[in-house]
Amino acid sequence: MLESQKINEISNKIKEIVNSSPLADVEKNINALLKSAFTKMELVTREEFDVQAEVLRKTREKLEMLESKLAELEASQKS
């Protein structure tokens, strides 16, 4: 996955090319092309990733708690 700095570097190089080019709409087209490519790669923002990581952490905690309760119930039925 491309890092943010690399993406910015690519974008800046493209802007330099566009600024020296007579084509005014090239920048818009390139930005749309890049956004489309990133969407197809299904990239998510850091914020979205962190939210999902927190949801997963809480779900794991709940699962562990339920497994522990189940083990206690099974142990009490055997006695």
PDB file of N, CA and C in Angstrom:
ATOM      1  N   MET A   1       0.849  -1.177   0.000  1.00  0.00           N
ATOM      2  CA  MET A   1       0.000   0.000   0.000  1.00  0.00           C
ATOM      3  C   MET A   1       0.890   1.235   0.000  1.00  0.00           C
ATOM      4  N   LEU A   2       0.530   2.221  -0.784  1.00  0.00           N
ATOM      5  CA  LEU A   2       1.302   3.449  -0.878  1.00  0.00           C
ATOM      6  C   LEU A   2       1.146   4.285   0.385  1.00  0.00           C
ATOM      7  N   GLU A   3       2.246   4.845   0.829  1.00  0.00           N
ATOM      8  CA  GLU A   3       2.187   5.702   2.001  1.00  0.00           C
ATOM      9  C   GLU A   3       1.728   7.099   1.591  1.00  0.00           C
ATOM     10  N   SER A   4       1.211   7.840   2.542  1.00  0.00           N
ATOM     11  CA  SER A   4       0.694   9.181   2.279  1.00  0.00           C
ATOM     12  C   SER A   4       1.762  10.089   1.673  1.00  0.00           C
ATOM     13  N   GLN A   5       2.980   9.980   2.153  1.00  0.00           N
ATOM     14  CA  GLN A   5       4.061  10.819   1.634  1.00  0.00           C
ATOM     15  C   GLN A   5       4.309  10.499   0.162  1.00  0.00           C
ATOM     16  N   LYS A   6       4.288   9.224  -0.190  1.00  0.00           N
ATOM     17  CA  LYS A   6       4.506   8.825  -1.586  1.00  0.00           C
ATOM     18  C   LYS A   6       3.372   9.337  -2.468  1.00  0.00           C
ATOM     19  N   ILE A   7       2.147   9.249  -1.964  1.00  0.00           N
ATOM     20  CA  ILE A   7       0.991   9.740  -2.712  1.00  0.00           C
ATOM     21  C   ILE A   7       1.130  11.238  -2.951  1.00  0.00           C
ATOM     22  N   ASN A   8       1.512  11.973  -1.920  1.00  0.00           N
ATOM     23  CA  ASN A   8       1.703  13.421  -2.059  1.00  0.00           C
ATOM     24  C   ASN A   8       2.822  13.734  -3.052  1.00  0.00           C
ATOM     25  N   GLU A   9       3.881  12.935  -2.991  1.00  0.00           N
ATOM     26  CA  GLU A   9       5.001  13.136  -3.909  1.00  0.00           C
ATOM     27  C   GLU A   9       4.559  12.923  -5.358  1.00  0.00           C
ATOM     28  N   ILE A  10       3.805  11.864  -5.604  1.00  0.00           N
ATOM     29  CA  ILE A  10       3.284  11.595  -6.947  1.00  0.00           C
ATOM     30  C   ILE A  10       2.367  12.736  -7.391  1.00  0.00           C
ATOM     31  N   SER A  11       1.484  13.154  -6.495  1.00  0.00           N
ATOM     32  CA  SER A  11       0.561  14.236  -6.815  1.00  0.00           C
ATOM     33  C   SER A  11       1.304  15.524  -7.147  1.00  0.00           C
ATOM     34  N   ASN A  12       2.321  15.843  -6.374  1.00  0.00           N
ATOM     35  CA  ASN A  12       3.103  17.065  -6.629  1.00  0.00           C
ATOM     36  C   ASN A  12       3.827  16.999  -7.973  1.00  0.00           C
ATOM     37  N   LYS A  13       4.369  15.839  -8.316  1.00  0.00           N
ATOM     38  CA  LYS A  13       5.042  15.690  -9.605  1.00  0.00           C
ATOM     39  C   LYS A  13       4.049  15.863 -10.746  1.00  0.00           C
ATOM     40  N   ILE A  14       2.867  15.297 -10.573  1.00  0.00           N
ATOM     41  CA  ILE A  14       1.827  15.446 -11.600  1.00  0.00           C
ATOM     42  C   ILE A  14       1.439  16.909 -11.743  1.00  0.00           C
ATOM     43  N   LYS A  15       1.300  17.613 -10.605  1.00  0.00           N
ATOM     44  CA  LYS A  15       0.955  19.037 -10.661  1.00  0.00           C
ATOM     45  C   LYS A  15       2.021  19.843 -11.392  1.00  0.00           C
ATOM     46  N   GLU A  16       3.288  19.501 -11.175  1.00  0.00           N
ATOM     47  CA  GLU A  16       4.371  20.194 -11.872  1.00  0.00           C
ATOM     48  C   GLU A  16       4.242  20.009 -13.383  1.00  0.00           C
ATOM     49  N   ILE A  17       3.933  18.799 -13.785  1.00  0.00           N
ATOM     50  CA  ILE A  17       3.767  18.506 -15.206  1.00  0.00           C
ATOM     51  C   ILE A  17       2.591  19.293 -15.772  1.00  0.00           C
ATOM     52  N   VAL A  18       1.495  19.305 -15.017  1.00  0.00           N
ATOM     53  CA  VAL A  18       0.288  20.008 -15.473  1.00  0.00           C
ATOM     54  C   VAL A  18       0.548  21.500 -15.593  1.00  0.00           C
ATOM     55  N   ASN A  19       1.257  22.071 -14.624  1.00  0.00           N
ATOM     56  CA  ASN A  19       1.519  23.510 -14.651  1.00  0.00           C
ATOM     57  C   ASN A  19       2.343  23.913 -15.868  1.00  0.00           C
ATOM     58  N   SER A  20       3.185  23.021 -16.333  1.00  0.00           N
ATOM     59  CA  SER A  20       3.991  23.340 -17.518  1.00  0.00           C
ATOM     60  C   SER A  20       3.285  22.940 -18.813  1.00  0.00           C
ATOM     61  N   SER A  21       2.103  22.364 -18.689  1.00  0.00           N
ATOM     62  CA  SER A  21       1.352  21.919 -19.860  1.00  0.00           C
ATOM     63  C   SER A  21       0.242  22.910 -20.204  1.00  0.00           C
ATOM     64  N   PRO A  22      -0.083  23.061 -21.482  1.00  0.00           N
ATOM     65  CA  PRO A  22      -1.169  23.966 -21.863  1.00  0.00           C
ATOM     66  C   PRO A  22      -2.562  23.398 -21.600  1.00  0.00           C
ATOM     67  N   LEU A  23      -2.638  22.152 -21.235  1.00  0.00           N
ATOM     68  CA  LEU A  23      -3.941  21.529 -21.020  1.00  0.00           C
ATOM     69  C   LEU A  23      -4.465  21.862 -19.624  1.00  0.00           C
ATOM     70  N   ALA A  24      -5.526  22.637 -19.545  1.00  0.00           N
ATOM     71  CA  ALA A  24      -6.052  23.107 -18.265  1.00  0.00           C
ATOM     72  C   ALA A  24      -6.806  22.017 -17.508  1.00  0.00           C
ATOM     73  N   ASP A  25      -7.438  21.109 -18.206  1.00  0.00           N
ATOM     74  CA  ASP A  25      -8.270  20.102 -17.550  1.00  0.00           C
ATOM     75  C   ASP A  25      -7.510  18.841 -17.147  1.00  0.00           C
ATOM     76  N   VAL A  26      -6.245  18.787 -17.450  1.00  0.00           N
ATOM     77  CA  VAL A  26      -5.474  17.583 -17.162  1.00  0.00           C
ATOM     78  C   VAL A  26      -5.438  17.301 -15.665  1.00  0.00           C
ATOM     79  N   GLU A  27      -5.250  18.328 -14.856  1.00  0.00           N
ATOM     80  CA  GLU A  27      -5.164  18.132 -13.405  1.00  0.00           C
ATOM     81  C   GLU A  27      -6.444  17.517 -12.858  1.00  0.00           C
ATOM     82  N   LYS A  28      -7.575  18.030 -13.304  1.00  0.00           N
ATOM     83  CA  LYS A  28      -8.855  17.478 -12.851  1.00  0.00           C
ATOM     84  C   LYS A  28      -8.996  16.024 -13.266  1.00  0.00           C
ATOM     85  N   ASN A  29      -8.608  15.735 -14.482  1.00  0.00           N
ATOM     86  CA  ASN A  29      -8.708  14.363 -14.977  1.00  0.00           C
ATOM     87  C   ASN A  29      -7.778  13.418 -14.229  1.00  0.00           C
ATOM     88  N   ILE A  30      -6.581  13.880 -13.931  1.00  0.00           N
ATOM     89  CA  ILE A  30      -5.622  13.038 -13.204  1.00  0.00           C
ATOM     90  C   ILE A  30      -6.110  12.802 -11.780  1.00  0.00           C
ATOM     91  N   ASN A  31      -6.617  13.861 -11.135  1.00  0.00           N
ATOM     92  CA  ASN A  31      -7.137  13.691  -9.780  1.00  0.00           C
ATOM     93  C   ASN A  31      -8.300  12.704  -9.759  1.00  0.00           C
ATOM     94  N   ALA A  32      -9.177  12.794 -10.737  1.00  0.00           N
ATOM     95  CA  ALA A  32     -10.303  11.859 -10.821  1.00  0.00           C
ATOM     96  C   ALA A  32      -9.795  10.446 -11.059  1.00  0.00           C
ATOM     97  N   LEU A  33      -8.778  10.311 -11.905  1.00  0.00           N
ATOM     98  CA  LEU A  33      -8.196   9.004 -12.184  1.00  0.00           C
ATOM     99  C   LEU A  33      -7.570   8.398 -10.930  1.00  0.00           C
ATOM    100  N   LEU A  34      -6.822   9.217 -10.178  1.00  0.00           N
ATOM    101  CA  LEU A  34      -6.194   8.729  -8.942  1.00  0.00           C
ATOM    102  C   LEU A  34      -7.241   8.335  -7.910  1.00  0.00           C
ATOM    103  N   LYS A  35      -8.265   9.165  -7.738  1.00  0.00           N
ATOM    104  CA  LYS A  35      -9.323   8.842  -6.781  1.00  0.00           C
ATOM    105  C   LYS A  35     -10.007   7.540  -7.165  1.00  0.00           C
ATOM    106  N   SER A  36     -10.244   7.361  -8.443  1.00  0.00           N
ATOM    107  CA  SER A  36     -10.872   6.136  -8.926  1.00  0.00           C
ATOM    108  C   SER A  36      -9.984   4.925  -8.639  1.00  0.00           C
ATOM    109  N   ALA A  37      -8.698   5.071  -8.900  1.00  0.00           N
ATOM    110  CA  ALA A  37      -7.764   3.965  -8.651  1.00  0.00           C
ATOM    111  C   ALA A  37      -7.714   3.620  -7.171  1.00  0.00           C
ATOM    112  N   PHE A  38      -7.678   4.632  -6.303  1.00  0.00           N
ATOM    113  CA  PHE A  38      -7.632   4.377  -4.866  1.00  0.00           C
ATOM    114  C   PHE A  38      -8.926   3.742  -4.379  1.00  0.00           C
ATOM    115  N   THR A  39     -10.050   4.140  -4.957  1.00  0.00           N
ATOM    116  CA  THR A  39     -11.331   3.542  -4.591  1.00  0.00           C
ATOM    117  C   THR A  39     -11.353   2.071  -4.976  1.00  0.00           C
ATOM    118  N   LYS A  40     -10.854   1.766  -6.156  1.00  0.00           N
ATOM    119  CA  LYS A  40     -10.809   0.368  -6.604  1.00  0.00           C
ATOM    120  C   LYS A  40      -9.902  -0.472  -5.720  1.00  0.00           C
ATOM    121  N   MET A  41      -8.873   0.151  -5.149  1.00  0.00           N
ATOM    122  CA  MET A  41      -7.971  -0.576  -4.255  1.00  0.00           C
ATOM    123  C   MET A  41      -8.593  -0.743  -2.871  1.00  0.00           C
ATOM    124  N   GLU A  42      -9.763  -0.169  -2.671  1.00  0.00           N
ATOM    125  CA  GLU A  42     -10.516  -0.271  -1.421  1.00  0.00           C
ATOM    126  C   GLU A  42      -9.700   0.195  -0.211  1.00  0.00           C
ATOM    127  N   LEU A  43      -9.019   1.316  -0.373  1.00  0.00           N
ATOM    128  CA  LEU A  43      -8.261   1.896   0.728  1.00  0.00           C
ATOM    129  C   LEU A  43      -9.224   2.545   1.713  1.00  0.00           C
ATOM    130  N   VAL A  44      -8.866   2.535   2.981  1.00  0.00           N
ATOM    131  CA  VAL A  44      -9.667   3.197   3.998  1.00  0.00           C
ATOM    132  C   VAL A  44      -8.795   4.219   4.709  1.00  0.00           C
ATOM    133  N   THR A  45      -9.447   5.185   5.336  1.00  0.00           N
ATOM    134  CA  THR A  45      -8.697   6.188   6.082  1.00  0.00           C
ATOM    135  C   THR A  45      -8.198   5.581   7.390  1.00  0.00           C
ATOM    136  N   ARG A  46      -7.228   6.229   7.970  1.00  0.00           N
ATOM    137  CA  ARG A  46      -6.680   5.768   9.248  1.00  0.00           C
ATOM    138  C   ARG A  46      -7.776   5.779  10.314  1.00  0.00           C
ATOM    139  N   GLU A  47      -8.631   6.805  10.267  1.00  0.00           N
ATOM    140  CA  GLU A  47      -9.725   6.918  11.237  1.00  0.00           C
ATOM    141  C   GLU A  47     -10.672   5.726  11.127  1.00  0.00           C
ATOM    142  N   GLU A  48     -11.048   5.359   9.897  1.00  0.00           N
ATOM    143  CA  GLU A  48     -11.928   4.202   9.706  1.00  0.00           C
ATOM    144  C   GLU A  48     -11.271   2.926  10.215  1.00  0.00           C
ATOM    145  N   PHE A  49      -9.973   2.783   9.932  1.00  0.00           N
ATOM    146  CA  PHE A  49      -9.235   1.605  10.393  1.00  0.00           C
ATOM    147  C   PHE A  49      -9.225   1.538  11.910  1.00  0.00           C
ATOM    148  N   ASP A  50      -8.950   2.669  12.566  1.00  0.00           N
ATOM    149  CA  ASP A  50      -8.899   2.699  14.025  1.00  0.00           C
ATOM    150  C   ASP A  50     -10.257   2.368  14.643  1.00  0.00           C
ATOM    151  N   VAL A  51     -11.341   2.873  14.048  1.00  0.00           N
ATOM    152  CA  VAL A  51     -12.685   2.577  14.550  1.00  0.00           C
ATOM    153  C   VAL A  51     -12.957   1.084  14.454  1.00  0.00           C
ATOM    154  N   GLN A  52     -12.635   0.477  13.318  1.00  0.00           N
ATOM    155  CA  GLN A  52     -12.880  -0.955  13.144  1.00  0.00           C
ATOM    156  C   GLN A  52     -11.996  -1.793  14.068  1.00  0.00           C
ATOM    157  N   ALA A  53     -10.763  -1.341  14.301  1.00  0.00           N
ATOM    158  CA  ALA A  53      -9.875  -2.047  15.224  1.00  0.00           C
ATOM    159  C   ALA A  53     -10.446  -2.027  16.637  1.00  0.00           C
ATOM    160  N   GLU A  54     -11.025  -0.910  17.045  1.00  0.00           N
ATOM    161  CA  GLU A  54     -11.639  -0.799  18.372  1.00  0.00           C
ATOM    162  C   GLU A  54     -12.870  -1.699  18.477  1.00  0.00           C
ATOM    163  N   VAL A  55     -13.682  -1.739  17.439  1.00  0.00           N
ATOM    164  CA  VAL A  55     -14.856  -2.621  17.429  1.00  0.00           C
ATOM    165  C   VAL A  55     -14.400  -4.072  17.568  1.00  0.00           C
ATOM    166  N   LEU A  56     -13.362  -4.440  16.843  1.00  0.00           N
ATOM    167  CA  LEU A  56     -12.840  -5.804  16.919  1.00  0.00           C
ATOM    168  C   LEU A  56     -12.309  -6.120  18.308  1.00  0.00           C
ATOM    169  N   ARG A  57     -11.604  -5.160  18.924  1.00  0.00           N
ATOM    170  CA  ARG A  57     -11.066  -5.375  20.276  1.00  0.00           C
ATOM    171  C   ARG A  57     -12.198  -5.629  21.271  1.00  0.00           C
ATOM    172  N   LYS A  58     -13.248  -4.819  21.202  1.00  0.00           N
ATOM    173  CA  LYS A  58     -14.387  -4.982  22.116  1.00  0.00           C
ATOM    174  C   LYS A  58     -15.093  -6.306  21.872  1.00  0.00           C
ATOM    175  N   THR A  59     -15.211  -6.692  20.616  1.00  0.00           N
ATOM    176  CA  THR A  59     -15.861  -7.960  20.281  1.00  0.00           C
ATOM    177  C   THR A  59     -15.057  -9.131  20.833  1.00  0.00           C
ATOM    178  N   ARG A  60     -13.751  -9.068  20.725  1.00  0.00           N
ATOM    179  CA  ARG A  60     -12.900 -10.133  21.272  1.00  0.00           C
ATOM    180  C   ARG A  60     -13.052 -10.225  22.787  1.00  0.00           C
ATOM    181  N   GLU A  61     -13.091  -9.070  23.461  1.00  0.00           N
ATOM    182  CA  GLU A  61     -13.269  -9.070  24.918  1.00  0.00           C
ATOM    183  C   GLU A  61     -14.593  -9.728  25.298  1.00  0.00           C
ATOM    184  N   LYS A  62     -15.650  -9.391  24.579  1.00  0.00           N
ATOM    185  CA  LYS A  62     -16.963  -9.954  24.861  1.00  0.00           C
ATOM    186  C   LYS A  62     -16.976 -11.460  24.609  1.00  0.00           C
ATOM    187  N   LEU A  63     -16.330 -11.890  23.531  1.00  0.00           N
ATOM    188  CA  LEU A  63     -16.252 -13.312  23.226  1.00  0.00           C
ATOM    189  C   LEU A  63     -15.510 -14.062  24.325  1.00  0.00           C
ATOM    190  N   GLU A  64     -14.405 -13.508  24.784  1.00  0.00           N
ATOM    191  CA  GLU A  64     -13.645 -14.143  25.862  1.00  0.00           C
ATOM    192  C   GLU A  64     -14.479 -14.241  27.132  1.00  0.00           C
ATOM    193  N   MET A  65     -15.245 -13.190  27.442  1.00  0.00           N
ATOM    194  CA  MET A  65     -16.102 -13.208  28.622  1.00  0.00           C
ATOM    195  C   MET A  65     -17.172 -14.295  28.479  1.00  0.00           C
ATOM    196  N   LEU A  66     -17.787 -14.389  27.323  1.00  0.00           N
ATOM    197  CA  LEU A  66     -18.829 -15.396  27.097  1.00  0.00           C
ATOM    198  C   LEU A  66     -18.254 -16.808  27.133  1.00  0.00           C
ATOM    199  N   GLU A  67     -17.065 -17.011  26.594  1.00  0.00           N
ATOM    200  CA  GLU A  67     -16.425 -18.319  26.658  1.00  0.00           C
ATOM    201  C   GLU A  67     -16.138 -18.710  28.100  1.00  0.00           C
ATOM    202  N   SER A  68     -15.711 -17.735  28.893  1.00  0.00           N
ATOM    203  CA  SER A  68     -15.432 -17.998  30.306  1.00  0.00           C
ATOM    204  C   SER A  68     -16.709 -18.386  31.046  1.00  0.00           C
ATOM    205  N   LYS A  69     -17.802 -17.666  30.806  1.00  0.00           N
ATOM    206  CA  LYS A  69     -19.078 -17.988  31.446  1.00  0.00           C
ATOM    207  C   LYS A  69     -19.567 -19.359  31.018  1.00  0.00           C
ATOM    208  N   LEU A  70     -19.409 -19.683  29.748  1.00  0.00           N
ATOM    209  CA  LEU A  70     -19.821 -20.992  29.252  1.00  0.00           C
ATOM    210  C   LEU A  70     -19.018 -22.098  29.929  1.00  0.00           C
ATOM    211  N   ALA A  71     -17.737 -21.888  30.076  1.00  0.00           N
ATOM    212  CA  ALA A  71     -16.888 -22.882  30.743  1.00  0.00           C
ATOM    213  C   ALA A  71     -17.328 -23.073  32.194  1.00  0.00           C
ATOM    214  N   GLU A  72     -17.696 -21.974  32.875  1.00  0.00           N
ATOM    215  CA  GLU A  72     -18.175 -22.072  34.255  1.00  0.00           C
ATOM    216  C   GLU A  72     -19.482 -22.856  34.319  1.00  0.00           C
ATOM    217  N   LEU A  73     -20.389 -22.566  33.397  1.00  0.00           N
ATOM    218  CA  LEU A  73     -21.667 -23.278  33.387  1.00  0.00           C
ATOM    219  C   LEU A  73     -21.480 -24.767  33.102  1.00  0.00           C
ATOM    220  N   GLU A  74     -20.604 -25.091  32.172  1.00  0.00           N
ATOM    221  CA  GLU A  74     -20.336 -26.499  31.861  1.00  0.00           C
ATOM    222  C   GLU A  74     -19.722 -27.196  33.051  1.00  0.00           C
ATOM    223  N   ALA A  75     -18.824 -26.514  33.760  1.00  0.00           N
ATOM    224  CA  ALA A  75     -18.171 -27.106  34.938  1.00  0.00           C
ATOM    225  C   ALA A  75     -19.177 -27.317  36.049  1.00  0.00           C
ATOM    226  N   SER A  76     -20.114 -26.376  36.234  1.00  0.00           N
ATOM    227  CA  SER A  76     -21.097 -26.526  37.292  1.00  0.00           C
ATOM    228  C   SER A  76     -22.111 -27.631  36.985  1.00  0.00           C
ATOM    229  N   GLN A  77     -22.385 -27.901  35.733  1.00  0.00           N
ATOM    230  CA  GLN A  77     -23.317 -28.988  35.371  1.00  0.00           C
ATOM    231  C   GLN A  77     -22.674 -30.346  35.568  1.00  0.00           C
ATOM    232  N   LYS A  78     -21.383 -30.448  35.434  1.00  0.00           N
ATOM    233  CA  LYS A  78     -20.674 -31.723  35.594  1.00  0.00           C
ATOM    234  C   LYS A  78     -20.603 -32.098  37.071  1.00  0.00           C
ATOM    235  N   SER A  79     -20.677 -31.148  37.952  1.00  0.00           N
ATOM    236  CA  SER A  79     -20.525 -31.413  39.393  1.00  0.00           C
ATOM    237  C   SER A  79     -21.771 -32.016  39.992  1.00  0.00           C
TER     238      SER A  79
END
